[in-house]
Protein backbone atom coordinates (compact mmCIF):
# COMPACT_ATOMS: atom_id res chain seq x y z
CA MET A 1 0.00 0.00 0.00
CA ARG A 2 1.50 3.34 -1.11
CA ALA A 3 2.03 6.12 1.32
CA PRO A 4 -0.09 9.12 0.52
CA HIS A 5 1.74 12.04 -1.10
CA ALA A 6 1.55 15.43 0.43
CA PRO A 7 -0.55 17.63 -1.72
CA GLY A 8 1.48 19.64 -4.23
CA THR A 9 4.81 17.92 -3.49
CA ALA A 10 5.18 16.22 -6.89
CA GLY A 11 4.12 19.35 -8.70
CA ARG A 12 6.67 21.46 -6.84
CA GLY A 13 9.44 18.93 -7.57
CA LEU A 14 8.64 18.89 -11.30
CA SER A 15 8.45 22.66 -11.38
CA TRP A 16 11.90 22.99 -9.77
CA SER A 17 13.46 20.57 -12.30
CA ARG A 18 11.98 22.49 -15.15
CA ARG A 19 13.22 25.75 -13.74
CA LEU A 20 16.73 24.37 -13.37
CA ALA A 21 16.72 23.09 -16.95
CA VAL A 22 15.49 26.42 -18.25
CA VAL A 23 18.21 28.29 -16.35
CA VAL A 24 20.97 25.98 -17.62
CA CYS A 25 19.78 26.14 -21.22
CA THR A 26 19.40 29.89 -21.09
CA GLY A 27 22.90 30.37 -19.69
CA ALA A 28 24.44 28.06 -22.28
CA ALA A 29 22.60 29.80 -25.08
CA ALA A 30 23.76 33.17 -23.86
CA MET A 31 27.33 31.96 -23.56
CA PHE A 32 27.52 30.48 -27.06
CA THR A 33 25.60 33.36 -28.56
CA GLY A 34 28.03 35.90 -27.16
CA LEU A 35 31.13 33.86 -27.91
CA PRO A 36 31.58 34.93 -31.55
CA PHE A 37 31.41 38.59 -30.56
CA ALA A 38 34.07 38.02 -27.91
CA VAL A 39 36.59 36.27 -30.18
CA ALA A 40 35.69 37.55 -33.66
CA HIS A 41 38.51 40.07 -33.91
CA VAL A 42 40.90 40.70 -36.76
CA SER A 43 44.20 39.32 -35.45
CA VAL A 44 47.70 38.46 -36.61
CA THR A 45 49.64 35.24 -36.03
CA PRO A 46 52.17 34.67 -34.75
CA ASP A 47 51.85 37.50 -32.27
CA THR A 48 55.59 37.42 -31.46
CA ALA A 49 58.62 37.73 -33.74
CA GLN A 50 62.38 38.05 -33.49
CA ALA A 51 64.01 41.31 -34.57
CA GLY A 52 66.21 40.93 -37.63
CA ASP A 53 64.64 37.63 -38.72
CA PRO A 54 62.24 36.99 -41.60
CA ALA A 55 58.68 36.04 -40.68
CA VAL A 56 55.35 35.13 -42.26
CA LEU A 57 52.54 37.09 -40.61
CA SER A 58 49.01 35.89 -41.23
CA PHE A 59 46.13 38.32 -40.77
CA ARG A 60 42.99 36.42 -39.76
CA VAL A 61 39.75 38.15 -40.68
CA PRO A 62 36.47 36.62 -39.41
CA ASN A 63 33.04 37.64 -40.65
CA GLU A 64 31.01 38.44 -37.55
CA ARG A 65 27.86 39.55 -39.33
CA ASP A 66 24.95 37.33 -40.40
CA ASP A 67 23.51 39.66 -43.03
CA ALA A 68 26.61 40.61 -45.05
CA THR A 69 29.88 39.25 -46.39
CA THR A 70 33.36 40.73 -46.11
CA VAL A 71 34.47 41.93 -49.55
CA ARG A 72 37.54 44.05 -48.85
CA VAL A 73 40.42 44.00 -46.37
CA GLU A 74 43.15 46.61 -46.04
CA VAL A 75 46.10 46.31 -43.67
CA THR A 76 48.14 49.46 -43.02
CA PHE A 77 51.72 48.95 -41.87
CA PRO A 78 53.32 51.01 -39.08
CA ALA A 79 54.95 54.17 -40.41
CA ASP A 80 57.44 54.44 -37.54
CA GLN A 81 58.99 51.07 -38.41
CA PRO A 82 59.03 50.90 -42.23
CA LEU A 83 59.13 47.53 -43.97
CA GLU A 84 60.89 47.26 -47.33
CA SER A 85 60.53 43.58 -48.20
CA VAL A 86 56.85 42.61 -47.97
CA VAL A 87 55.39 39.89 -50.20
CA PRO A 88 51.74 38.76 -49.84
CA ARG A 89 50.71 35.21 -50.68
CA ALA A 90 48.43 34.79 -53.68
CA LEU A 91 44.84 33.94 -52.70
CA PRO A 92 42.35 32.53 -55.21
CA GLY A 93 39.54 34.98 -55.92
CA TRP A 94 41.27 37.97 -54.32
CA LYS A 95 42.96 40.87 -56.11
CA ILE A 96 45.99 42.13 -54.21
CA ASP A 97 47.31 45.69 -54.32
CA VAL A 98 50.61 46.43 -52.54
CA ARG A 99 50.91 50.16 -51.90
CA LYS A 100 54.27 51.79 -51.24
CA GLN A 101 55.48 55.06 -49.82
CA MET A 102 58.27 56.37 -52.04
CA THR A 103 61.21 58.01 -50.31
CA ALA A 104 63.96 60.15 -51.79
CA GLN A 105 67.49 58.83 -52.00
CA PRO A 106 70.29 60.88 -50.39
CA ALA A 107 71.65 63.39 -52.90
CA GLU A 108 75.22 62.99 -54.11
CA PRO A 109 77.53 66.02 -54.00
CA GLY A 110 76.98 68.21 -57.04
CA HIS A 111 73.72 66.47 -58.07
CA ASP A 112 70.09 67.27 -57.49
CA ASN A 113 68.05 64.88 -55.35
CA ASP A 114 65.54 63.84 -58.00
CA GLU A 115 65.73 60.06 -57.69
CA MET A 116 63.42 57.85 -55.67
CA ASP A 117 64.20 54.47 -54.13
CA GLY A 118 62.01 51.38 -54.12
CA GLY A 119 59.99 52.75 -51.21
CA THR A 120 58.53 51.02 -48.19
CA VAL A 121 55.20 49.22 -48.02
CA SER A 122 52.49 51.41 -46.54
CA SER A 123 49.49 49.08 -46.94
CA ILE A 124 48.11 46.01 -48.72
CA VAL A 125 44.55 45.77 -50.07
CA TRP A 126 42.68 42.53 -50.78
CA GLU A 127 39.39 42.83 -52.66
CA GLY A 128 37.23 40.96 -55.14
CA GLY A 129 36.74 37.92 -52.90
CA ALA A 130 34.19 37.24 -50.20
CA ILE A 131 34.20 35.94 -46.63
CA PRO A 132 30.76 34.47 -45.87
CA SER A 133 29.03 34.76 -42.53
CA GLY A 134 30.36 32.43 -39.85
CA THR A 135 33.72 31.89 -41.59
CA PHE A 136 37.13 33.52 -41.66
CA GLU A 137 39.97 34.04 -44.13
CA GLU A 138 43.70 34.29 -43.57
CA PHE A 139 45.89 36.72 -45.52
CA PRO A 140 49.57 35.67 -45.19
CA VAL A 141 52.37 38.18 -45.76
CA ARG A 142 56.09 37.43 -45.76
CA ILE A 143 58.28 40.03 -44.06
CA GLY A 144 61.91 39.92 -45.18
CA LYS A 145 63.25 41.38 -41.93
CA ILE A 146 61.45 42.24 -38.72
CA PRO A 147 62.64 45.70 -37.67
CA GLY A 148 63.57 47.13 -34.30
CA SER A 149 61.99 45.94 -31.08
CA GLY A 150 58.91 46.61 -29.00
CA THR A 151 55.67 46.18 -30.96
CA LEU A 152 54.40 46.32 -34.52
CA ALA A 153 50.86 47.71 -34.48
CA PHE A 154 48.90 47.35 -37.71
CA VAL A 155 45.59 48.92 -38.70
CA ALA A 156 43.02 46.68 -40.41
CA LEU A 157 39.99 47.96 -42.32
CA GLN A 158 37.24 45.39 -42.89
CA THR A 159 34.59 46.33 -45.45
CA TYR A 160 31.27 44.48 -45.76
CA SER A 161 29.08 43.98 -48.81
CA ASP A 162 26.62 46.67 -47.63
CA GLY A 163 29.39 49.30 -47.46
CA GLN A 164 30.06 49.25 -43.72
CA THR A 165 33.75 49.49 -42.78
CA VAL A 166 35.05 48.38 -39.39
CA ARG A 167 38.35 49.89 -38.31
CA TRP A 168 40.50 47.62 -36.17
CA ALA A 169 42.95 50.15 -34.76
CA ASP A 170 42.44 50.52 -31.00
CA PRO A 171 45.78 50.28 -29.15
CA VAL A 172 46.26 47.22 -26.97
CA ARG A 173 47.87 48.10 -23.65
CA PRO A 174 49.16 45.48 -21.18
CA GLY A 175 47.19 45.24 -17.97
CA GLN A 176 44.15 47.02 -19.38
CA PRO A 177 40.86 45.60 -20.70
CA GLU A 178 40.82 44.68 -24.35
CA PRO A 179 39.34 47.45 -26.50
CA GLU A 180 36.31 46.94 -28.71
CA HIS A 181 38.30 46.92 -31.95
CA PRO A 182 41.89 45.98 -31.03
CA ALA A 183 44.65 46.57 -33.57
CA PRO A 184 46.52 43.46 -34.78
CA THR A 185 49.78 43.64 -32.84
CA VAL A 186 53.05 41.73 -32.96
CA THR A 187 55.51 41.83 -30.06
CA VAL A 188 59.10 42.03 -31.33
CA ALA A 189 61.85 40.45 -29.25
CA PRO A 190 65.17 42.36 -29.40
CA LEU A 191 68.30 40.86 -30.89
CA ALA A 192 70.02 38.61 -28.40
CA ALA A 193 73.50 39.75 -27.39
CA VAL A 194 76.13 37.33 -28.68
CA THR A 195 78.63 36.51 -25.92
CA PRO A 196 81.97 35.04 -27.09
CA PRO A 197 82.68 31.66 -25.51
CA ALA A 198 85.05 31.77 -22.54
CA GLU A 199 88.45 30.24 -23.08
CA SER A 200 88.61 26.84 -21.51
CA THR A 201 91.26 26.34 -18.81
CA SER A 202 90.79 22.61 -18.51
CA ASP A 203 93.81 21.88 -20.77
CA THR A 204 96.24 24.24 -18.98
CA PRO A 205 98.22 21.43 -17.23
CA ALA A 206 98.57 19.61 -20.52
CA ARG A 207 99.92 22.74 -22.19
CA VAL A 208 102.46 23.26 -19.35
CA LEU A 209 103.67 19.67 -19.57
CA ALA A 210 103.95 19.88 -23.33
CA GLY A 211 106.02 23.08 -23.10
CA ALA A 212 108.33 21.54 -20.49
CA GLY A 213 108.82 18.46 -22.63
CA LEU A 214 109.65 20.56 -25.66
CA ALA A 215 112.23 22.59 -23.69
CA ALA A 216 113.85 19.42 -22.34
CA GLY A 217 114.05 17.95 -25.83
CA LEU A 218 115.71 21.03 -27.25
CA GLY A 219 118.24 21.05 -24.39
CA ALA A 220 119.15 17.41 -24.96
CA ALA A 221 119.62 18.02 -28.65
CA ALA A 222 121.93 20.94 -27.96
CA VAL A 223 124.09 18.85 -25.59
CA ALA A 224 124.35 16.02 -28.10
CA LEU A 225 125.41 18.43 -30.83
CA VAL A 226 128.15 19.85 -28.64
CA ARG A 227 129.51 16.38 -27.79
CA ARG A 228 129.64 15.32 -31.41
CA ARG A 229 131.81 18.29 -32.48
CA PRO A 230 135.58 17.21 -32.90
CA VAL A 231 138.11 18.69 -30.49
CA ARG A 232 140.84 20.48 -32.39
CA PRO A 233 144.36 20.54 -30.83
CA ALA A 234 145.65 23.87 -29.70
CA PRO A 235 148.20 25.45 -32.07
CA VAL A 236 151.88 24.98 -31.12
CA SER A 237 154.04 28.08 -31.16
CA GLU A 238 157.59 28.25 -32.73
CA VAL A 239 159.20 28.63 -29.31
CA ASP A 240 157.63 25.40 -28.11
CA GLN A 241 158.84 23.65 -31.24
CA LYS A 242 162.47 24.81 -30.68
CA ARG A 243 162.34 23.68 -27.06
CA GLU A 244 161.10 20.29 -28.11
CA THR A 245 163.89 20.00 -30.74
CA THR A 246 166.61 21.03 -28.28
CA ARG A 247 165.33 18.55 -25.75
CA LEU A 248 165.62 15.75 -28.27
């Protein structure tokens, strides 16, 4: 025989379970719904590089909109640290335009300064392709030599199919909250100081013994040479000869 249930106990238990499920589902939905907006930033990888070395920097551009596609990307290079050797990788469907800032060459004595050098890269534009909603594209660029030290802060302009342009240029400062549109930034490690290897002293006794042996060998050779030289008799004077004759 079953024990009678208290009125409303089962209903309250079911209601609590449903409430818990609703809370969990709502929290998960909110978390995953907000996740793309938290991580969908234009970024660059790797985010660290060694000064003086070549590197391939890849600019990752996600499409964070559901109602438009990304149709144009422009990356502006830092003017305070000019880059001369910059080569983008060919991407199917994208037209690439490398823009340079021409600089004048130093004038030679007696000549006008009317010549320009190859210039430094000021920006690269990719257009003609499309990044659909919910996807991303990577735009690799080879840098011949990473300059200086500190940071390389780029500016990225992302243009959508409806004409909207998002500017990713907010400075990223250590210890502060991430800005809404952070600039793609690379931390540059300075050139490591090359320390000459210290001279090893472990073979000093061997060197001393070798020097002593060499000196002893040279001394012995000198003594042997002296012994082997013939002894010449001393010259006899005329007086000694007469004395010897008279004595005989």
